[in-house]
Amino acid sequence: MADTTDQTLRAILTDVLGLAPEQTAAFKADTGLFGHLPELDSMAVAGLLTEIEDRFDILIEDEDVDGEMLETYGALLAFVSAKTAQG
């Protein structure tokens, strides 16, 4: 399940942000996202979260969204994994 979540999240970042698949494939847990990727600005965050909700069939509440969850790839992956585990 974790591998599927990781692969799907990388695909979402590739699709929504228009990144090269090789770029997202190279993301490590400490790879910076918001504030590090010019493609991930405040406008792109809304699209990213919507796509995550759609593909993982989860609901992301406003209070769930903070700077930490978007700070690194690992933080975003951990957030999505936790939300999908809640079912």
N, C-alpha and C. Protein backbone atom coordinates (compact mmCIF):
# COMPACT_ATOMS: atom_id res chain seq x y z
N MET A 1 0.82 -1.21 0.00
CA MET A 1 0.00 0.00 0.00
C MET A 1 0.86 1.26 0.00
N ALA A 2 1.91 1.26 0.82
CA ALA A 2 2.77 2.44 0.90
C ALA A 2 3.42 2.74 -0.45
N ASP A 3 3.86 1.69 -1.16
CA ASP A 3 4.47 1.90 -2.46
C ASP A 3 3.47 2.49 -3.45
N THR A 4 2.23 2.02 -3.39
CA THR A 4 1.18 2.53 -4.27
C THR A 4 0.90 4.00 -3.96
N THR A 5 0.84 4.33 -2.68
CA THR A 5 0.61 5.72 -2.28
C THR A 5 1.74 6.60 -2.78
N ASP A 6 2.96 6.15 -2.61
CA ASP A 6 4.14 6.90 -3.05
C ASP A 6 4.09 7.12 -4.57
N GLN A 7 3.83 6.07 -5.32
CA GLN A 7 3.79 6.17 -6.78
C GLN A 7 2.67 7.11 -7.24
N THR A 8 1.51 6.99 -6.61
CA THR A 8 0.38 7.83 -6.98
C THR A 8 0.66 9.29 -6.65
N LEU A 9 1.25 9.55 -5.49
CA LEU A 9 1.57 10.92 -5.11
C LEU A 9 2.58 11.53 -6.06
N ARG A 10 3.58 10.76 -6.46
CA ARG A 10 4.56 11.26 -7.43
C ARG A 10 3.88 11.58 -8.77
N ALA A 11 2.94 10.73 -9.18
CA ALA A 11 2.21 10.96 -10.43
C ALA A 11 1.36 12.23 -10.33
N ILE A 12 0.75 12.47 -9.18
CA ILE A 12 -0.05 13.68 -8.97
C ILE A 12 0.83 14.92 -9.08
N LEU A 13 1.98 14.89 -8.43
CA LEU A 13 2.90 16.03 -8.50
C LEU A 13 3.37 16.27 -9.94
N THR A 14 3.62 15.20 -10.66
CA THR A 14 4.03 15.31 -12.06
C THR A 14 2.91 15.95 -12.88
N ASP A 15 1.69 15.45 -12.72
CA ASP A 15 0.55 15.93 -13.51
C ASP A 15 0.15 17.36 -13.16
N VAL A 16 -0.03 17.62 -11.88
CA VAL A 16 -0.56 18.92 -11.46
C VAL A 16 0.46 20.04 -11.64
N LEU A 17 1.71 19.76 -11.33
CA LEU A 17 2.72 20.81 -11.40
C LEU A 17 3.47 20.85 -12.72
N GLY A 18 3.22 19.86 -13.58
CA GLY A 18 3.90 19.83 -14.87
C GLY A 18 5.38 19.53 -14.74
N LEU A 19 5.73 18.76 -13.71
CA LEU A 19 7.14 18.39 -13.51
C LEU A 19 7.49 17.19 -14.37
N ALA A 20 8.76 17.03 -14.65
CA ALA A 20 9.22 15.86 -15.39
C ALA A 20 9.13 14.64 -14.48
N PRO A 21 8.69 13.49 -15.01
CA PRO A 21 8.62 12.28 -14.19
C PRO A 21 9.97 11.94 -13.54
N GLU A 22 11.07 12.24 -14.23
CA GLU A 22 12.39 11.97 -13.66
C GLU A 22 12.63 12.83 -12.42
N GLN A 23 12.08 14.05 -12.43
CA GLN A 23 12.26 14.95 -11.30
C GLN A 23 11.52 14.42 -10.08
N THR A 24 10.26 14.03 -10.26
CA THR A 24 9.50 13.53 -9.11
C THR A 24 10.01 12.16 -8.67
N ALA A 25 10.53 11.37 -9.61
CA ALA A 25 11.08 10.06 -9.25
C ALA A 25 12.30 10.21 -8.34
N ALA A 26 12.99 11.34 -8.45
CA ALA A 26 14.19 11.57 -7.65
C ALA A 26 13.89 12.18 -6.28
N PHE A 27 12.62 12.51 -6.02
CA PHE A 27 12.27 13.10 -4.73
C PHE A 27 12.60 12.15 -3.60
N LYS A 28 13.21 12.69 -2.57
CA LYS A 28 13.49 11.94 -1.34
C LYS A 28 12.61 12.53 -0.25
N ALA A 29 12.60 11.91 0.91
CA ALA A 29 11.74 12.38 2.00
C ALA A 29 12.01 13.84 2.36
N ASP A 30 13.28 14.26 2.25
CA ASP A 30 13.61 15.63 2.65
C ASP A 30 13.64 16.62 1.49
N THR A 31 13.15 16.21 0.31
CA THR A 31 13.07 17.12 -0.82
C THR A 31 12.05 18.21 -0.52
N GLY A 32 12.48 19.45 -0.61
CA GLY A 32 11.60 20.58 -0.33
C GLY A 32 10.54 20.74 -1.40
N LEU A 33 9.33 21.08 -0.97
CA LEU A 33 8.23 21.30 -1.92
C LEU A 33 7.83 22.79 -1.91
N PHE A 34 6.89 23.15 -1.06
CA PHE A 34 6.40 24.53 -1.03
C PHE A 34 7.54 25.46 -0.58
N GLY A 35 7.80 26.46 -1.40
CA GLY A 35 8.90 27.35 -1.11
C GLY A 35 10.21 26.93 -1.78
N HIS A 36 10.22 25.71 -2.30
CA HIS A 36 11.42 25.19 -2.98
C HIS A 36 11.16 24.94 -4.46
N LEU A 37 9.95 24.52 -4.78
CA LEU A 37 9.58 24.30 -6.18
C LEU A 37 8.81 25.52 -6.68
N PRO A 38 9.34 26.24 -7.67
CA PRO A 38 8.61 27.41 -8.17
C PRO A 38 7.23 27.05 -8.72
N GLU A 39 7.07 25.81 -9.19
CA GLU A 39 5.78 25.37 -9.74
C GLU A 39 4.71 25.25 -8.65
N LEU A 40 5.14 25.04 -7.41
CA LEU A 40 4.18 24.85 -6.32
C LEU A 40 4.00 26.18 -5.57
N ASP A 41 3.14 27.02 -6.15
CA ASP A 41 2.81 28.28 -5.50
C ASP A 41 1.44 28.14 -4.83
N SER A 42 0.98 29.23 -4.24
CA SER A 42 -0.29 29.14 -3.49
C SER A 42 -1.46 28.74 -4.38
N MET A 43 -1.44 29.12 -5.64
CA MET A 43 -2.51 28.73 -6.55
C MET A 43 -2.43 27.23 -6.86
N ALA A 44 -1.24 26.71 -7.01
CA ALA A 44 -1.07 25.30 -7.34
C ALA A 44 -1.43 24.40 -6.17
N VAL A 45 -1.32 24.91 -4.94
CA VAL A 45 -1.64 24.10 -3.76
C VAL A 45 -3.08 23.62 -3.82
N ALA A 46 -4.00 24.51 -4.17
CA ALA A 46 -5.42 24.14 -4.23
C ALA A 46 -5.65 23.02 -5.24
N GLY A 47 -5.04 23.13 -6.40
CA GLY A 47 -5.18 22.09 -7.41
C GLY A 47 -4.56 20.78 -6.97
N LEU A 48 -3.42 20.88 -6.31
CA LEU A 48 -2.73 19.69 -5.81
C LEU A 48 -3.59 18.96 -4.77
N LEU A 49 -4.14 19.71 -3.83
CA LEU A 49 -4.95 19.08 -2.77
C LEU A 49 -6.23 18.48 -3.34
N THR A 50 -6.83 19.16 -4.31
CA THR A 50 -8.03 18.62 -4.95
C THR A 50 -7.73 17.31 -5.66
N GLU A 51 -6.61 17.27 -6.37
CA GLU A 51 -6.23 16.05 -7.09
C GLU A 51 -5.91 14.92 -6.11
N ILE A 52 -5.27 15.25 -4.99
CA ILE A 52 -4.99 14.24 -3.97
C ILE A 52 -6.30 13.68 -3.43
N GLU A 53 -7.26 14.56 -3.15
CA GLU A 53 -8.57 14.11 -2.67
C GLU A 53 -9.24 13.17 -3.67
N ASP A 54 -9.21 13.56 -4.94
CA ASP A 54 -9.87 12.76 -5.99
C ASP A 54 -9.22 11.40 -6.17
N ARG A 55 -7.92 11.37 -6.28
CA ARG A 55 -7.24 10.10 -6.58
C ARG A 55 -7.18 9.15 -5.40
N PHE A 56 -7.13 9.70 -4.18
CA PHE A 56 -7.06 8.84 -3.00
C PHE A 56 -8.42 8.66 -2.33
N ASP A 57 -9.43 9.34 -2.86
CA ASP A 57 -10.78 9.28 -2.30
C ASP A 57 -10.77 9.60 -0.80
N ILE A 58 -10.15 10.74 -0.48
CA ILE A 58 -10.10 11.23 0.89
C ILE A 58 -10.63 12.66 0.92
N LEU A 59 -10.91 13.14 2.10
CA LEU A 59 -11.35 14.53 2.28
C LEU A 59 -10.29 15.24 3.11
N ILE A 60 -9.78 16.34 2.57
CA ILE A 60 -8.79 17.13 3.28
C ILE A 60 -9.50 18.37 3.81
N GLU A 61 -9.57 18.47 5.12
CA GLU A 61 -10.22 19.61 5.77
C GLU A 61 -9.28 20.81 5.78
N ASP A 62 -9.84 22.01 5.84
CA ASP A 62 -9.02 23.22 5.87
C ASP A 62 -8.02 23.18 7.02
N GLU A 63 -8.45 22.67 8.18
CA GLU A 63 -7.55 22.65 9.34
C GLU A 63 -6.41 21.63 9.18
N ASP A 64 -6.55 20.73 8.20
CA ASP A 64 -5.48 19.76 7.93
C ASP A 64 -4.28 20.41 7.22
N VAL A 65 -4.56 21.49 6.52
CA VAL A 65 -3.56 22.10 5.64
C VAL A 65 -2.71 23.10 6.42
N ASP A 66 -1.42 22.83 6.44
CA ASP A 66 -0.48 23.78 7.05
C ASP A 66 0.84 23.72 6.30
N GLY A 67 1.71 24.62 6.64
CA GLY A 67 3.00 24.70 5.95
C GLY A 67 3.84 23.46 6.10
N GLU A 68 3.74 22.82 7.27
CA GLU A 68 4.57 21.63 7.51
C GLU A 68 4.24 20.50 6.56
N MET A 69 2.95 20.26 6.31
CA MET A 69 2.57 19.13 5.47
C MET A 69 3.04 19.31 4.03
N LEU A 70 3.27 20.55 3.62
CA LEU A 70 3.73 20.82 2.25
C LEU A 70 5.21 21.16 2.18
N GLU A 71 5.88 21.10 3.32
CA GLU A 71 7.28 21.52 3.37
C GLU A 71 8.20 20.58 2.61
N THR A 72 8.01 19.27 2.81
CA THR A 72 8.86 18.29 2.14
C THR A 72 8.00 17.19 1.53
N TYR A 73 8.62 16.45 0.61
CA TYR A 73 7.91 15.33 0.01
C TYR A 73 7.54 14.30 1.07
N GLY A 74 8.45 14.03 2.00
CA GLY A 74 8.19 13.06 3.06
C GLY A 74 7.01 13.46 3.92
N ALA A 75 6.91 14.76 4.23
CA ALA A 75 5.80 15.24 5.06
C ALA A 75 4.48 15.08 4.32
N LEU A 76 4.46 15.39 3.03
CA LEU A 76 3.24 15.24 2.24
C LEU A 76 2.85 13.78 2.12
N LEU A 77 3.83 12.91 1.89
CA LEU A 77 3.57 11.48 1.79
C LEU A 77 3.02 10.94 3.11
N ALA A 78 3.60 11.37 4.21
CA ALA A 78 3.13 10.92 5.54
C ALA A 78 1.70 11.39 5.78
N PHE A 79 1.40 12.62 5.37
CA PHE A 79 0.05 13.15 5.54
C PHE A 79 -0.95 12.33 4.73
N VAL A 80 -0.64 12.09 3.45
CA VAL A 80 -1.55 11.32 2.60
C VAL A 80 -1.71 9.89 3.12
N SER A 81 -0.63 9.29 3.55
CA SER A 81 -0.68 7.92 4.09
C SER A 81 -1.58 7.88 5.32
N ALA A 82 -1.46 8.86 6.20
CA ALA A 82 -2.28 8.91 7.40
C ALA A 82 -3.75 9.11 7.06
N LYS A 83 -4.04 9.97 6.09
CA LYS A 83 -5.43 10.23 5.70
C LYS A 83 -6.05 8.99 5.05
N THR A 84 -5.29 8.29 4.23
CA THR A 84 -5.85 7.10 3.58
C THR A 84 -6.04 5.99 4.60
N ALA A 85 -5.21 5.93 5.63
CA ALA A 85 -5.35 4.91 6.68
C ALA A 85 -6.61 5.15 7.49
N GLN A 86 -7.02 6.41 7.62
CA GLN A 86 -8.25 6.74 8.36
C GLN A 86 -9.48 6.24 7.62
N GLY A 87 -9.31 6.09 6.30
CA GLY A 87 -10.36 5.53 5.47
C GLY A 87 -11.57 6.35 5.39
